[in-house]
């Protein structure tokens, strides 16, 4: 049975200054990360997926699959405003050999339980035998998905949840009520990894893993090995690093800036996001130096 394990960064998508998909830097980032982490979660929030056309999202998945190592698990975020487009992207992910798909609840409108069940049921019907996850991000989709909906989706064959609620009590409820060998709950942040692992988590999806994969991998290893004190210190360091990310207008913009500061690549976020300013980059660099990371 398919399960997510390890460090799976929500990979940013590089764009050029005039707004086009930057395929050269996309390849560069994939090759940088592949081998340093267990997998890549692409075209999600950090990846600007909802700002991209379906063709751009398909092309991104193709490039990531082509240049990732054979052991790197590729999870494609395929969520859109509707089941039709989400199915199209999910089937494409399966066709090119990616390992799983995940979809945030349909956004813009507020949906009730019955609406969500119909949305996901249509997707699961068309993606049989292909691991499929609900990406639960209430802030971005605009509403909560209820535990009862997840119970029914599990019965329909859904593989699990990527939980981005930042609510450890809610995560604990998912583990208690839903998790088993056929249904796993991946953590959608680096901020609570040690706590989530204590509750049974086996995989986390850290934004900071785009630019500091070694720190995320070490924190994962320590926790899995039962090195509680070391893992806790790593968690505190990672959370200090998250504080630095808030020196820009969003954590996503900070990742693009840190990628440039660390010499990984220089690329742009997708408009209408505006890249970090020179002053913001200087503040980030200073913060990284104070943490001993530059």
C-alpha atoms as a PDB file:
ATOM      1  CA  UNK A   1       0.000   0.000   0.000  1.00  0.00           C
ATOM      2  CA  UNK A   2       1.362   3.428  -1.009  1.00  0.00           C
ATOM      3  CA  UNK A   3       2.399   5.711   1.852  1.00  0.00           C
ATOM      4  CA  UNK A   4       4.288   8.993   2.013  1.00  0.00           C
ATOM      5  CA  UNK A   5       7.467   8.879   4.090  1.00  0.00           C
ATOM      6  CA  UNK A   6      10.287  11.282   4.749  1.00  0.00           C
ATOM      7  CA  UNK A   7      10.936  14.870   3.699  1.00  0.00           C
ATOM      8  CA  UNK A   8       8.866  16.020   0.700  1.00  0.00           C
ATOM      9  CA  UNK A   9       9.305  19.772   0.074  1.00  0.00           C
ATOM     10  CA  UNK A  10       6.497  21.718  -1.611  1.00  0.00           C
ATOM     11  CA  UNK A  11       8.749  22.782  -4.446  1.00  0.00           C
ATOM     12  CA  UNK A  12       8.622  26.349  -5.693  1.00  0.00           C
ATOM     13  CA  UNK A  13       8.194  26.881  -9.426  1.00  0.00           C
ATOM     14  CA  UNK A  14      10.698  29.284 -11.015  1.00  0.00           C
ATOM     15  CA  UNK A  15       9.509  31.858 -13.525  1.00  0.00           C
ATOM     16  CA  UNK A  16      11.345  34.338 -15.742  1.00  0.00           C
ATOM     17  CA  UNK A  17      11.172  38.087 -15.340  1.00  0.00           C
ATOM     18  CA  UNK A  18       8.533  38.312 -18.057  1.00  0.00           C
ATOM     19  CA  UNK A  19       6.344  35.699 -16.376  1.00  0.00           C
ATOM     20  CA  UNK A  20       7.116  32.541 -18.345  1.00  0.00           C
ATOM     21  CA  UNK A  21       7.858  29.126 -16.873  1.00  0.00           C
ATOM     22  CA  UNK A  22      11.633  29.029 -16.323  1.00  0.00           C
ATOM     23  CA  UNK A  23      12.383  25.506 -17.488  1.00  0.00           C
ATOM     24  CA  UNK A  24      16.153  25.832 -17.101  1.00  0.00           C
ATOM     25  CA  UNK A  25      15.946  26.813 -13.439  1.00  0.00           C
ATOM     26  CA  UNK A  26      13.176  24.281 -12.839  1.00  0.00           C
ATOM     27  CA  UNK A  27      15.534  21.534 -14.000  1.00  0.00           C
ATOM     28  CA  UNK A  28      18.292  23.037 -11.851  1.00  0.00           C
ATOM     29  CA  UNK A  29      16.127  23.044  -8.720  1.00  0.00           C
ATOM     30  CA  UNK A  30      14.907  19.486  -9.281  1.00  0.00           C
ATOM     31  CA  UNK A  31      18.463  18.234  -9.707  1.00  0.00           C
ATOM     32  CA  UNK A  32      19.544  20.149  -6.589  1.00  0.00           C
ATOM     33  CA  UNK A  33      16.810  18.644  -4.416  1.00  0.00           C
ATOM     34  CA  UNK A  34      16.619  15.132  -5.826  1.00  0.00           C
ATOM     35  CA  UNK A  35      18.685  12.840  -3.626  1.00  0.00           C
ATOM     36  CA  UNK A  36      18.656  15.294  -0.726  1.00  0.00           C
ATOM     37  CA  UNK A  37      14.994  14.571   0.102  1.00  0.00           C
ATOM     38  CA  UNK A  38      12.595  11.660  -0.229  1.00  0.00           C
ATOM     39  CA  UNK A  39      10.161  13.372  -2.565  1.00  0.00           C
ATOM     40  CA  UNK A  40       8.799  16.539  -4.140  1.00  0.00           C
ATOM     41  CA  UNK A  41       5.303  18.015  -3.835  1.00  0.00           C
ATOM     42  CA  UNK A  42       4.838  20.166  -6.917  1.00  0.00           C
ATOM     43  CA  UNK A  43       2.397  22.828  -8.181  1.00  0.00           C
ATOM     44  CA  UNK A  44       0.960  23.476  -4.733  1.00  0.00           C
ATOM     45  CA  UNK A  45       0.865  26.714  -2.761  1.00  0.00           C
ATOM     46  CA  UNK A  46       4.623  27.259  -2.809  1.00  0.00           C
ATOM     47  CA  UNK A  47       4.644  26.123  -6.428  1.00  0.00           C
ATOM     48  CA  UNK A  48       2.112  28.746  -7.575  1.00  0.00           C
ATOM     49  CA  UNK A  49      -0.047  25.999  -9.082  1.00  0.00           C
ATOM     50  CA  UNK A  50      -3.351  27.909  -8.910  1.00  0.00           C
ATOM     51  CA  UNK A  51      -1.685  30.802 -10.794  1.00  0.00           C
ATOM     52  CA  UNK A  52      -0.604  28.571 -13.674  1.00  0.00           C
ATOM     53  CA  UNK A  53      -2.467  27.388 -16.747  1.00  0.00           C
ATOM     54  CA  UNK A  54      -3.249  23.685 -17.075  1.00  0.00           C
ATOM     55  CA  UNK A  55      -0.617  23.426 -19.807  1.00  0.00           C
ATOM     56  CA  UNK A  56       2.028  25.025 -17.560  1.00  0.00           C
ATOM     57  CA  UNK A  57       1.140  22.627 -14.767  1.00  0.00           C
ATOM     58  CA  UNK A  58       1.406  19.638 -17.086  1.00  0.00           C
ATOM     59  CA  UNK A  59       4.744  20.866 -18.422  1.00  0.00           C
ATOM     60  CA  UNK A  60       6.081  21.414 -14.906  1.00  0.00           C
ATOM     61  CA  UNK A  61       5.164  17.858 -13.924  1.00  0.00           C
ATOM     62  CA  UNK A  62       6.862  16.501 -17.048  1.00  0.00           C
ATOM     63  CA  UNK A  63      10.112  18.351 -16.339  1.00  0.00           C
ATOM     64  CA  UNK A  64      10.147  17.362 -12.672  1.00  0.00           C
ATOM     65  CA  UNK A  65       9.543  13.723 -13.535  1.00  0.00           C
ATOM     66  CA  UNK A  66      12.246  13.773 -16.215  1.00  0.00           C
ATOM     67  CA  UNK A  67      15.005  15.218 -14.049  1.00  0.00           C
ATOM     68  CA  UNK A  68      14.210  13.794 -10.618  1.00  0.00           C
ATOM     69  CA  UNK A  69      16.123  10.738  -9.511  1.00  0.00           C
ATOM     70  CA  UNK A  70      14.417   7.358  -9.785  1.00  0.00           C
ATOM     71  CA  UNK A  71      14.002   7.129  -6.008  1.00  0.00           C
ATOM     72  CA  UNK A  72      12.425  10.580  -5.652  1.00  0.00           C
ATOM     73  CA  UNK A  73       8.680  10.349  -5.054  1.00  0.00           C
ATOM     74  CA  UNK A  74       6.727  12.908  -7.089  1.00  0.00           C
ATOM     75  CA  UNK A  75       3.362  14.098  -5.749  1.00  0.00           C
ATOM     76  CA  UNK A  76       1.528  16.479  -8.075  1.00  0.00           C
ATOM     77  CA  UNK A  77      -0.935  18.965  -6.667  1.00  0.00           C
ATOM     78  CA  UNK A  78      -3.792  18.897  -9.169  1.00  0.00           C
ATOM     79  CA  UNK A  79      -6.423  20.915  -7.307  1.00  0.00           C
ATOM     80  CA  UNK A  80      -8.424  23.488  -9.260  1.00  0.00           C
ATOM     81  CA  UNK A  81     -11.811  25.153  -8.960  1.00  0.00           C
ATOM     82  CA  UNK A  82     -13.548  22.118 -10.454  1.00  0.00           C
ATOM     83  CA  UNK A  83     -13.404  18.335 -10.714  1.00  0.00           C
ATOM     84  CA  UNK A  84     -13.076  18.323 -14.508  1.00  0.00           C
ATOM     85  CA  UNK A  85      -9.689  20.086 -14.603  1.00  0.00           C
ATOM     86  CA  UNK A  86      -8.461  18.306 -11.478  1.00  0.00           C
ATOM     87  CA  UNK A  87      -9.197  14.952 -13.108  1.00  0.00           C
ATOM     88  CA  UNK A  88      -7.355  16.008 -16.260  1.00  0.00           C
ATOM     89  CA  UNK A  89      -4.242  16.988 -14.316  1.00  0.00           C
ATOM     90  CA  UNK A  90      -4.393  13.881 -12.123  1.00  0.00           C
ATOM     91  CA  UNK A  91      -4.656  11.525 -15.102  1.00  0.00           C
ATOM     92  CA  UNK A  92      -1.722  13.316 -16.726  1.00  0.00           C
ATOM     93  CA  UNK A  93       0.343  12.838 -13.563  1.00  0.00           C
ATOM     94  CA  UNK A  94      -0.437   9.136 -13.638  1.00  0.00           C
ATOM     95  CA  UNK A  95       0.332   8.844 -17.353  1.00  0.00           C
ATOM     96  CA  UNK A  96       3.829  10.336 -17.052  1.00  0.00           C
ATOM     97  CA  UNK A  97       4.746   8.115 -14.115  1.00  0.00           C
ATOM     98  CA  UNK A  98       4.380  10.366 -11.075  1.00  0.00           C
ATOM     99  CA  UNK A  99       3.676   8.579  -7.806  1.00  0.00           C
ATOM    100  CA  UNK A 100       0.575  10.326  -6.469  1.00  0.00           C
ATOM    101  CA  UNK A 101      -1.682  13.340  -6.795  1.00  0.00           C
ATOM    102  CA  UNK A 102      -3.275  15.617  -4.218  1.00  0.00           C
ATOM    103  CA  UNK A 103      -5.935  18.289  -4.471  1.00  0.00           C
ATOM    104  CA  UNK A 104      -6.998  21.138  -2.263  1.00  0.00           C
ATOM    105  CA  UNK A 105     -10.744  21.553  -1.956  1.00  0.00           C
ATOM    106  CA  UNK A 106     -12.259  23.619  -4.795  1.00  0.00           C
ATOM    107  CA  UNK A 107     -11.641  27.254  -3.987  1.00  0.00           C
ATOM    108  CA  UNK A 108     -13.346  30.648  -4.407  1.00  0.00           C
ATOM    109  CA  UNK A 109     -16.834  29.474  -3.409  1.00  0.00           C
ATOM    110  CA  UNK A 110     -17.702  28.097   0.030  1.00  0.00           C
ATOM    111  CA  UNK A 111     -18.738  24.445  -0.212  1.00  0.00           C
ATOM    112  CA  UNK A 112     -20.773  22.172   2.057  1.00  0.00           C
ATOM    113  CA  UNK A 113     -20.030  18.540   2.878  1.00  0.00           C
ATOM    114  CA  UNK A 114     -22.207  17.161   0.099  1.00  0.00           C
ATOM    115  CA  UNK A 115     -20.502  19.381  -2.483  1.00  0.00           C
ATOM    116  CA  UNK A 116     -17.048  18.257  -1.379  1.00  0.00           C
ATOM    117  CA  UNK A 117     -18.024  14.602  -1.396  1.00  0.00           C
ATOM    118  CA  UNK A 118     -19.310  14.964  -4.954  1.00  0.00           C
ATOM    119  CA  UNK A 119     -16.109  16.765  -6.015  1.00  0.00           C
ATOM    120  CA  UNK A 120     -13.709  14.203  -4.583  1.00  0.00           C
ATOM    121  CA  UNK A 121     -15.906  11.227  -5.506  1.00  0.00           C
ATOM    122  CA  UNK A 122     -15.765  12.240  -9.165  1.00  0.00           C
ATOM    123  CA  UNK A 123     -11.962  12.458  -8.985  1.00  0.00           C
ATOM    124  CA  UNK A 124     -11.509   9.152  -7.179  1.00  0.00           C
ATOM    125  CA  UNK A 125     -13.760   7.406  -9.687  1.00  0.00           C
ATOM    126  CA  UNK A 126     -11.457   8.457 -12.538  1.00  0.00           C
ATOM    127  CA  UNK A 127      -8.129   7.938 -10.761  1.00  0.00           C
ATOM    128  CA  UNK A 128      -8.575   4.370  -9.576  1.00  0.00           C
ATOM    129  CA  UNK A 129      -5.358   2.575  -8.592  1.00  0.00           C
ATOM    130  CA  UNK A 130      -3.485   5.906  -8.435  1.00  0.00           C
ATOM    131  CA  UNK A 131      -2.738   7.230  -4.943  1.00  0.00           C
ATOM    132  CA  UNK A 132      -4.755  10.369  -4.312  1.00  0.00           C
ATOM    133  CA  UNK A 133      -4.663  12.697  -1.290  1.00  0.00           C
ATOM    134  CA  UNK A 134      -6.816  15.511  -0.019  1.00  0.00           C
ATOM    135  CA  UNK A 135      -4.692  18.609   0.545  1.00  0.00           C
ATOM    136  CA  UNK A 136      -6.453  20.242   3.479  1.00  0.00           C
ATOM    137  CA  UNK A 137      -5.548  23.936   3.527  1.00  0.00           C
ATOM    138  CA  UNK A 138      -8.499  25.855   5.025  1.00  0.00           C
ATOM    139  CA  UNK A 139      -6.746  29.223   4.710  1.00  0.00           C
ATOM    140  CA  UNK A 140      -6.285  28.895   0.948  1.00  0.00           C
ATOM    141  CA  UNK A 141      -9.385  26.919  -0.006  1.00  0.00           C
ATOM    142  CA  UNK A 142     -11.492  29.222   2.170  1.00  0.00           C
ATOM    143  CA  UNK A 143     -13.267  26.726   4.453  1.00  0.00           C
ATOM    144  CA  UNK A 144     -12.739  23.674   6.634  1.00  0.00           C
ATOM    145  CA  UNK A 145     -13.259  20.146   5.368  1.00  0.00           C
ATOM    146  CA  UNK A 146     -15.024  18.199   8.097  1.00  0.00           C
ATOM    147  CA  UNK A 147     -13.763  15.027   9.720  1.00  0.00           C
ATOM    148  CA  UNK A 148     -16.951  13.292   8.537  1.00  0.00           C
ATOM    149  CA  UNK A 149     -16.110  14.113   4.925  1.00  0.00           C
ATOM    150  CA  UNK A 150     -12.650  12.639   5.368  1.00  0.00           C
ATOM    151  CA  UNK A 151     -14.160   9.492   6.911  1.00  0.00           C
ATOM    152  CA  UNK A 152     -16.333   9.003   3.852  1.00  0.00           C
ATOM    153  CA  UNK A 153     -13.497   9.782   1.443  1.00  0.00           C
ATOM    154  CA  UNK A 154     -11.359   7.164   3.153  1.00  0.00           C
ATOM    155  CA  UNK A 155     -14.129   4.624   2.533  1.00  0.00           C
ATOM    156  CA  UNK A 156     -14.178   5.696  -1.130  1.00  0.00           C
ATOM    157  CA  UNK A 157     -10.496   4.833  -1.512  1.00  0.00           C
ATOM    158  CA  UNK A 158      -8.657   8.090  -0.842  1.00  0.00           C
ATOM    159  CA  UNK A 159      -5.027   7.476   0.187  1.00  0.00           C
ATOM    160  CA  UNK A 160      -4.670  10.113   2.889  1.00  0.00           C
ATOM    161  CA  UNK A 161      -4.462  13.787   3.781  1.00  0.00           C
ATOM    162  CA  UNK A 162      -1.823  16.459   3.487  1.00  0.00           C
ATOM    163  CA  UNK A 163      -2.740  18.468   6.583  1.00  0.00           C
ATOM    164  CA  UNK A 164      -1.859  22.168   6.362  1.00  0.00           C
ATOM    165  CA  UNK A 165      -4.111  23.397   9.169  1.00  0.00           C
ATOM    166  CA  UNK A 166      -1.172  24.214  11.502  1.00  0.00           C
ATOM    167  CA  UNK A 167      -3.388  22.816  14.257  1.00  0.00           C
ATOM    168  CA  UNK A 168      -1.721  20.037  16.237  1.00  0.00           C
ATOM    169  CA  UNK A 169      -4.971  19.069  17.955  1.00  0.00           C
ATOM    170  CA  UNK A 170      -6.674  18.653  14.609  1.00  0.00           C
ATOM    171  CA  UNK A 171      -3.722  16.640  13.348  1.00  0.00           C
ATOM    172  CA  UNK A 172      -4.019  14.403  16.421  1.00  0.00           C
ATOM    173  CA  UNK A 173      -7.705  13.861  15.664  1.00  0.00           C
ATOM    174  CA  UNK A 174      -6.885  12.773  12.115  1.00  0.00           C
ATOM    175  CA  UNK A 175      -4.316  10.307  13.407  1.00  0.00           C
ATOM    176  CA  UNK A 176      -6.694   8.956  16.032  1.00  0.00           C
ATOM    177  CA  UNK A 177      -9.777   8.690  13.825  1.00  0.00           C
ATOM    178  CA  UNK A 178      -8.425   7.984  10.348  1.00  0.00           C
ATOM    179  CA  UNK A 179      -4.828   6.810  10.141  1.00  0.00           C
ATOM    180  CA  UNK A 180      -4.030   3.176   9.430  1.00  0.00           C
ATOM    181  CA  UNK A 181      -1.917   1.172   6.983  1.00  0.00           C
ATOM    182  CA  UNK A 182      -4.129   2.239   4.079  1.00  0.00           C
ATOM    183  CA  UNK A 183      -4.580   5.923   4.986  1.00  0.00           C
ATOM    184  CA  UNK A 184      -1.764   8.215   6.065  1.00  0.00           C
ATOM    185  CA  UNK A 185      -1.687  11.797   7.294  1.00  0.00           C
ATOM    186  CA  UNK A 186       1.258  13.814   6.000  1.00  0.00           C
ATOM    187  CA  UNK A 187       2.124  17.032   7.814  1.00  0.00           C
ATOM    188  CA  UNK A 188       2.012  20.106   5.573  1.00  0.00           C
ATOM    189  CA  UNK A 189       4.644  22.142   7.446  1.00  0.00           C
ATOM    190  CA  UNK A 190       8.037  21.870   9.083  1.00  0.00           C
ATOM    191  CA  UNK A 191       6.854  23.878  12.085  1.00  0.00           C
ATOM    192  CA  UNK A 192       5.404  20.939  14.052  1.00  0.00           C
ATOM    193  CA  UNK A 193       7.335  17.908  12.789  1.00  0.00           C
ATOM    194  CA  UNK A 194       8.575  16.620  16.156  1.00  0.00           C
ATOM    195  CA  UNK A 195       5.098  16.883  17.694  1.00  0.00           C
ATOM    196  CA  UNK A 196       3.436  15.285  14.675  1.00  0.00           C
ATOM    197  CA  UNK A 197       5.927  12.431  14.601  1.00  0.00           C
ATOM    198  CA  UNK A 198       5.097  11.675  18.236  1.00  0.00           C
ATOM    199  CA  UNK A 199       1.484  11.299  17.054  1.00  0.00           C
ATOM    200  CA  UNK A 200       2.412   8.869  14.292  1.00  0.00           C
ATOM    201  CA  UNK A 201       3.423  11.078  11.362  1.00  0.00           C
ATOM    202  CA  UNK A 202       5.827   9.520   8.851  1.00  0.00           C
ATOM    203  CA  UNK A 203       6.128  12.333   6.270  1.00  0.00           C
ATOM    204  CA  UNK A 204       6.237  16.105   6.273  1.00  0.00           C
ATOM    205  CA  UNK A 205       6.135  18.726   3.541  1.00  0.00           C
ATOM    206  CA  UNK A 206       8.428  21.612   4.568  1.00  0.00           C
ATOM    207  CA  UNK A 207       8.603  24.852   2.603  1.00  0.00           C
ATOM    208  CA  UNK A 208      12.064  25.499   3.972  1.00  0.00           C
ATOM    209  CA  UNK A 209      13.085  22.149   2.487  1.00  0.00           C
ATOM    210  CA  UNK A 210      13.393  23.917  -0.880  1.00  0.00           C
ATOM    211  CA  UNK A 211      16.519  25.717   0.277  1.00  0.00           C
ATOM    212  CA  UNK A 212      17.680  23.878   3.407  1.00  0.00           C
ATOM    213  CA  UNK A 213      16.898  20.235   2.604  1.00  0.00           C
ATOM    214  CA  UNK A 214      19.804  19.083   4.748  1.00  0.00           C
ATOM    215  CA  UNK A 215      18.318  20.640   7.897  1.00  0.00           C
ATOM    216  CA  UNK A 216      14.920  19.070   7.231  1.00  0.00           C
ATOM    217  CA  UNK A 217      16.452  15.662   6.482  1.00  0.00           C
ATOM    218  CA  UNK A 218      18.540  15.785   9.672  1.00  0.00           C
ATOM    219  CA  UNK A 219      15.549  16.728  11.829  1.00  0.00           C
ATOM    220  CA  UNK A 220      13.594  13.861  10.285  1.00  0.00           C
ATOM    221  CA  UNK A 221      16.427  11.393  10.867  1.00  0.00           C
ATOM    222  CA  UNK A 222      16.916  12.428  14.481  1.00  0.00           C
ATOM    223  CA  UNK A 223      13.246  12.092  15.320  1.00  0.00           C
ATOM    224  CA  UNK A 224      12.884   8.751  13.558  1.00  0.00           C
ATOM    225  CA  UNK A 225      15.998   7.455  15.362  1.00  0.00           C
ATOM    226  CA  UNK A 226      14.586   8.401  18.755  1.00  0.00           C
ATOM    227  CA  UNK A 227      17.195  11.117  19.346  1.00  0.00           C
ATOM    228  CA  UNK A 228      14.653  13.257  21.163  1.00  0.00           C
ATOM    229  CA  UNK A 229      16.919  16.005  22.493  1.00  0.00           C
ATOM    230  CA  UNK A 230      18.699  16.496  19.177  1.00  0.00           C
ATOM    231  CA  UNK A 231      15.429  16.470  17.248  1.00  0.00           C
ATOM    232  CA  UNK A 232      13.944  19.081  19.573  1.00  0.00           C
ATOM    233  CA  UNK A 233      16.949  21.364  19.115  1.00  0.00           C
ATOM    234  CA  UNK A 234      16.662  20.930  15.347  1.00  0.00           C
ATOM    235  CA  UNK A 235      12.962  21.793  15.556  1.00  0.00           C
ATOM    236  CA  UNK A 236      13.745  24.989  17.455  1.00  0.00           C
ATOM    237  CA  UNK A 237      16.387  25.932  14.875  1.00  0.00           C
ATOM    238  CA  UNK A 238      14.042  25.268  11.977  1.00  0.00           C
ATOM    239  CA  UNK A 239      11.371  27.395  13.644  1.00  0.00           C
ATOM    240  CA  UNK A 240      13.858  30.238  14.072  1.00  0.00           C
ATOM    241  CA  UNK A 241      14.508  29.880  10.376  1.00  0.00           C
ATOM    242  CA  UNK A 242      10.774  30.158   9.781  1.00  0.00           C
ATOM    243  CA  UNK A 243      10.837  33.468  11.695  1.00  0.00           C
ATOM    244  CA  UNK A 244      13.375  34.729   9.155  1.00  0.00           C
ATOM    245  CA  UNK A 245      11.037  33.726   6.335  1.00  0.00           C
ATOM    246  CA  UNK A 246       8.512  36.251   7.647  1.00  0.00           C
ATOM    247  CA  UNK A 247      10.936  39.105   6.946  1.00  0.00           C
ATOM    248  CA  UNK A 248       9.301  39.234   3.504  1.00  0.00           C
ATOM    249  CA  UNK A 249       5.631  39.619   2.662  1.00  0.00           C
ATOM    250  CA  UNK A 250       5.102  35.859   2.533  1.00  0.00           C
ATOM    251  CA  UNK A 251       7.011  32.666   3.240  1.00  0.00           C
ATOM    252  CA  UNK A 252       6.803  31.736  -0.434  1.00  0.00           C
ATOM    253  CA  UNK A 253       8.614  34.915  -1.475  1.00  0.00           C
ATOM    254  CA  UNK A 254      11.234  34.231   1.182  1.00  0.00           C
ATOM    255  CA  UNK A 255      12.050  30.866  -0.389  1.00  0.00           C
ATOM    256  CA  UNK A 256      12.752  32.461  -3.776  1.00  0.00           C
ATOM    257  CA  UNK A 257      14.974  35.001  -1.995  1.00  0.00           C
ATOM    258  CA  UNK A 258      16.883  32.375   0.018  1.00  0.00           C
ATOM    259  CA  UNK A 259      17.395  30.287  -3.127  1.00  0.00           C
ATOM    260  CA  UNK A 260      19.166  33.302  -4.625  1.00  0.00           C
ATOM    261  CA  UNK A 261      21.100  34.103  -1.447  1.00  0.00           C
ATOM    262  CA  UNK A 262      22.351  30.499  -1.159  1.00  0.00           C
ATOM    263  CA  UNK A 263      23.306  30.379  -4.843  1.00  0.00           C
ATOM    264  CA  UNK A 264      20.842  27.613  -5.693  1.00  0.00           C
ATOM    265  CA  UNK A 265      19.154  29.601  -8.461  1.00  0.00           C
ATOM    266  CA  UNK A 266      17.848  33.072  -9.245  1.00  0.00           C
ATOM    267  CA  UNK A 267      14.229  33.107 -10.382  1.00  0.00           C
ATOM    268  CA  UNK A 268      10.959  34.959 -10.006  1.00  0.00           C
ATOM    269  CA  UNK A 269       7.631  34.018  -8.415  1.00  0.00           C
ATOM    270  CA  UNK A 270       4.550  34.120 -10.615  1.00  0.00           C
ATOM    271  CA  UNK A 271       2.857  37.513 -10.876  1.00  0.00           C
ATOM    272  CA  UNK A 272       1.017  39.194  -9.256  1.00  0.00           C
ATOM    273  CA  UNK A 273       3.520  38.274  -6.511  1.00  0.00           C
ATOM    274  CA  UNK A 274       6.365  40.784  -6.401  1.00  0.00           C
ATOM    275  CA  UNK A 275       9.861  39.425  -5.610  1.00  0.00           C
ATOM    276  CA  UNK A 276      11.508  40.258  -2.308  1.00  0.00           C
ATOM    277  CA  UNK A 277      13.047  43.718  -2.263  1.00  0.00           C
ATOM    278  CA  UNK A 278      16.761  44.361  -1.889  1.00  0.00           C
ATOM    279  CA  UNK A 279      16.194  45.404   1.721  1.00  0.00           C
ATOM    280  CA  UNK A 280      14.170  42.269   2.474  1.00  0.00           C
ATOM    281  CA  UNK A 281      16.909  40.091   0.998  1.00  0.00           C
ATOM    282  CA  UNK A 282      19.512  41.895   3.105  1.00  0.00           C
ATOM    283  CA  UNK A 283      17.449  41.316   6.252  1.00  0.00           C
ATOM    284  CA  UNK A 284      17.057  37.641   5.393  1.00  0.00           C
ATOM    285  CA  UNK A 285      20.779  37.254   4.734  1.00  0.00           C
ATOM    286  CA  UNK A 286      21.575  38.897   8.061  1.00  0.00           C
ATOM    287  CA  UNK A 287      19.174  36.568   9.851  1.00  0.00           C
ATOM    288  CA  UNK A 288      20.737  33.520   8.219  1.00  0.00           C
ATOM    289  CA  UNK A 289      24.208  34.696   9.242  1.00  0.00           C
ATOM    290  CA  UNK A 290      23.075  35.086  12.835  1.00  0.00           C
ATOM    291  CA  UNK A 291      21.798  31.469  12.752  1.00  0.00           C
ATOM    292  CA  UNK A 292      25.153  30.319  11.331  1.00  0.00           C
ATOM    293  CA  UNK A 293      23.559  29.293   8.034  1.00  0.00           C
ATOM    294  CA  UNK A 294      25.598  31.598   5.785  1.00  0.00           C
END
